[in-house]
């Protein structure tokens, strides 16, 4: 994934998940799956997030997988029926385990 696409993805995730400015992304990875069409590429995105409370970051994270379609002119969630209705894959794990 090139740098402009990485930035587009991070901006999209921040806009959709960090609505009050207290969310902290500990780790984000994206794996290219397939081209959804000639212009849109589908990525499986794994995120690990925690929250800031005052001056401290909460020592536990939640993490999950989701799908995002990225084209030169748009970015949107995809396959939401597969991931949006359940709990995070990882809940309340120590922040040190976010990267693995």
C-alpha atoms as a PDB file:
ATOM      1  CA  UNK A   1       0.000   0.000   0.000  1.00  0.00           C
ATOM      2  CA  UNK A   2       1.503   3.317  -1.015  1.00  0.00           C
ATOM      3  CA  UNK A   3       1.786   6.285   1.369  1.00  0.00           C
ATOM      4  CA  UNK A   4      -1.183   8.274  -0.054  1.00  0.00           C
ATOM      5  CA  UNK A   5      -3.438   5.212   0.294  1.00  0.00           C
ATOM      6  CA  UNK A   6      -2.162   4.618   3.842  1.00  0.00           C
ATOM      7  CA  UNK A   7      -2.987   8.210   4.748  1.00  0.00           C
ATOM      8  CA  UNK A   8      -6.412   7.938   3.122  1.00  0.00           C
ATOM      9  CA  UNK A   9      -7.112   4.811   5.192  1.00  0.00           C
ATOM     10  CA  UNK A  10      -5.950   6.405   8.465  1.00  0.00           C
ATOM     11  CA  UNK A  11      -8.009   9.544   7.819  1.00  0.00           C
ATOM     12  CA  UNK A  12     -11.047   7.354   7.085  1.00  0.00           C
ATOM     13  CA  UNK A  13     -10.601   5.295  10.257  1.00  0.00           C
ATOM     14  CA  UNK A  14     -10.106   8.398  12.405  1.00  0.00           C
ATOM     15  CA  UNK A  15     -13.186  10.073  10.926  1.00  0.00           C
ATOM     16  CA  UNK A  16     -15.346   6.995  11.541  1.00  0.00           C
ATOM     17  CA  UNK A  17     -14.067   5.829  14.931  1.00  0.00           C
ATOM     18  CA  UNK A  18     -12.440   8.773  16.712  1.00  0.00           C
ATOM     19  CA  UNK A  19     -15.403  11.122  16.865  1.00  0.00           C
ATOM     20  CA  UNK A  20     -14.475  12.705  20.219  1.00  0.00           C
ATOM     21  CA  UNK A  21     -10.659  12.684  19.945  1.00  0.00           C
ATOM     22  CA  UNK A  22     -10.075  10.138  22.728  1.00  0.00           C
ATOM     23  CA  UNK A  23      -9.331   7.096  20.585  1.00  0.00           C
ATOM     24  CA  UNK A  24      -5.745   5.944  20.052  1.00  0.00           C
ATOM     25  CA  UNK A  25      -4.750   3.557  17.284  1.00  0.00           C
ATOM     26  CA  UNK A  26      -2.108   1.180  18.639  1.00  0.00           C
ATOM     27  CA  UNK A  27      -1.783  -0.815  15.426  1.00  0.00           C
ATOM     28  CA  UNK A  28      -3.326  -0.855  11.961  1.00  0.00           C
ATOM     29  CA  UNK A  29      -2.578  -3.372   9.239  1.00  0.00           C
ATOM     30  CA  UNK A  30      -4.113  -3.801   5.819  1.00  0.00           C
ATOM     31  CA  UNK A  31      -3.927  -6.785   3.515  1.00  0.00           C
ATOM     32  CA  UNK A  32      -4.918  -6.380  -0.131  1.00  0.00           C
ATOM     33  CA  UNK A  33      -7.472  -9.033  -1.025  1.00  0.00           C
ATOM     34  CA  UNK A  34      -8.821  -8.518  -4.521  1.00  0.00           C
ATOM     35  CA  UNK A  35      -9.850  -5.783  -6.836  1.00  0.00           C
ATOM     36  CA  UNK A  36     -13.570  -5.374  -6.205  1.00  0.00           C
ATOM     37  CA  UNK A  37     -13.853  -3.819  -9.652  1.00  0.00           C
ATOM     38  CA  UNK A  38     -11.476  -2.103 -12.047  1.00  0.00           C
ATOM     39  CA  UNK A  39     -11.046   0.932  -9.776  1.00  0.00           C
ATOM     40  CA  UNK A  40     -11.738  -0.330  -6.240  1.00  0.00           C
ATOM     41  CA  UNK A  41      -9.387  -2.522  -4.233  1.00  0.00           C
ATOM     42  CA  UNK A  42     -10.684  -4.439  -1.231  1.00  0.00           C
ATOM     43  CA  UNK A  43      -8.517  -4.555   1.899  1.00  0.00           C
ATOM     44  CA  UNK A  44      -8.895  -6.587   5.060  1.00  0.00           C
ATOM     45  CA  UNK A  45      -8.001  -4.111   7.791  1.00  0.00           C
ATOM     46  CA  UNK A  46      -7.055  -5.114  11.340  1.00  0.00           C
ATOM     47  CA  UNK A  47      -7.085  -2.414  14.008  1.00  0.00           C
ATOM     48  CA  UNK A  48      -6.092  -2.330  17.656  1.00  0.00           C
ATOM     49  CA  UNK A  49      -7.452   0.657  19.570  1.00  0.00           C
ATOM     50  CA  UNK A  50      -7.443   2.026  23.066  1.00  0.00           C
ATOM     51  CA  UNK A  51      -8.731   5.211  24.624  1.00  0.00           C
ATOM     52  CA  UNK A  52      -7.217   8.162  26.399  1.00  0.00           C
ATOM     53  CA  UNK A  53      -8.684   9.146  29.764  1.00  0.00           C
ATOM     54  CA  UNK A  54      -7.363  12.526  30.848  1.00  0.00           C
ATOM     55  CA  UNK A  55      -3.582  12.399  30.544  1.00  0.00           C
ATOM     56  CA  UNK A  56      -3.400   8.593  30.581  1.00  0.00           C
ATOM     57  CA  UNK A  57      -3.931   5.952  27.940  1.00  0.00           C
ATOM     58  CA  UNK A  58      -6.035   3.029  29.124  1.00  0.00           C
ATOM     59  CA  UNK A  59      -3.693  -0.018  29.412  1.00  0.00           C
ATOM     60  CA  UNK A  60      -6.038  -2.381  27.529  1.00  0.00           C
ATOM     61  CA  UNK A  61      -7.047  -2.532  23.881  1.00  0.00           C
ATOM     62  CA  UNK A  62      -9.828  -3.855  21.688  1.00  0.00           C
ATOM     63  CA  UNK A  63      -9.140  -5.084  18.193  1.00  0.00           C
ATOM     64  CA  UNK A  64     -11.060  -6.345  15.214  1.00  0.00           C
ATOM     65  CA  UNK A  65     -10.937  -7.014  11.492  1.00  0.00           C
ATOM     66  CA  UNK A  66     -12.990  -5.171   8.919  1.00  0.00           C
ATOM     67  CA  UNK A  67     -13.093  -4.686   5.167  1.00  0.00           C
ATOM     68  CA  UNK A  68     -12.530  -1.403   3.357  1.00  0.00           C
ATOM     69  CA  UNK A  69     -12.843  -0.666  -0.348  1.00  0.00           C
ATOM     70  CA  UNK A  70     -10.483   2.016  -1.661  1.00  0.00           C
ATOM     71  CA  UNK A  71     -10.608   3.616  -5.084  1.00  0.00           C
ATOM     72  CA  UNK A  72      -8.853   6.731  -6.394  1.00  0.00           C
ATOM     73  CA  UNK A  73     -11.934   8.840  -5.608  1.00  0.00           C
ATOM     74  CA  UNK A  74     -13.598   7.109  -2.632  1.00  0.00           C
ATOM     75  CA  UNK A  75     -13.188   4.942   0.422  1.00  0.00           C
ATOM     76  CA  UNK A  76     -15.916   2.981   2.175  1.00  0.00           C
ATOM     77  CA  UNK A  77     -16.564   0.027   4.437  1.00  0.00           C
ATOM     78  CA  UNK A  78     -17.283  -3.262   2.665  1.00  0.00           C
ATOM     79  CA  UNK A  79     -18.722  -6.642   3.623  1.00  0.00           C
ATOM     80  CA  UNK A  80     -20.202  -5.056   6.759  1.00  0.00           C
ATOM     81  CA  UNK A  81     -22.500  -8.054   7.271  1.00  0.00           C
ATOM     82  CA  UNK A  82     -19.360 -10.094   8.058  1.00  0.00           C
ATOM     83  CA  UNK A  83     -17.933  -7.883  10.799  1.00  0.00           C
ATOM     84  CA  UNK A  84     -20.097  -4.966  11.922  1.00  0.00           C
ATOM     85  CA  UNK A  85     -22.639  -6.702  14.170  1.00  0.00           C
ATOM     86  CA  UNK A  86     -20.418  -8.663  16.537  1.00  0.00           C
ATOM     87  CA  UNK A  87     -18.042  -7.829  19.375  1.00  0.00           C
ATOM     88  CA  UNK A  88     -14.363  -7.067  18.731  1.00  0.00           C
ATOM     89  CA  UNK A  89     -12.171 -10.106  18.083  1.00  0.00           C
ATOM     90  CA  UNK A  90      -9.884  -9.062  20.949  1.00  0.00           C
ATOM     91  CA  UNK A  91     -11.342  -7.294  23.989  1.00  0.00           C
ATOM     92  CA  UNK A  92      -9.512  -5.978  27.021  1.00  0.00           C
ATOM     93  CA  UNK A  93      -6.080  -7.354  26.144  1.00  0.00           C
ATOM     94  CA  UNK A  94      -2.953  -5.614  27.488  1.00  0.00           C
ATOM     95  CA  UNK A  95      -1.646  -2.928  25.137  1.00  0.00           C
ATOM     96  CA  UNK A  96       1.693  -4.758  24.864  1.00  0.00           C
ATOM     97  CA  UNK A  97      -0.073  -7.478  22.877  1.00  0.00           C
ATOM     98  CA  UNK A  98      -1.548  -5.106  20.273  1.00  0.00           C
ATOM     99  CA  UNK A  99       1.145  -5.637  17.627  1.00  0.00           C
ATOM    100  CA  UNK A 100       1.213  -9.452  17.566  1.00  0.00           C
END
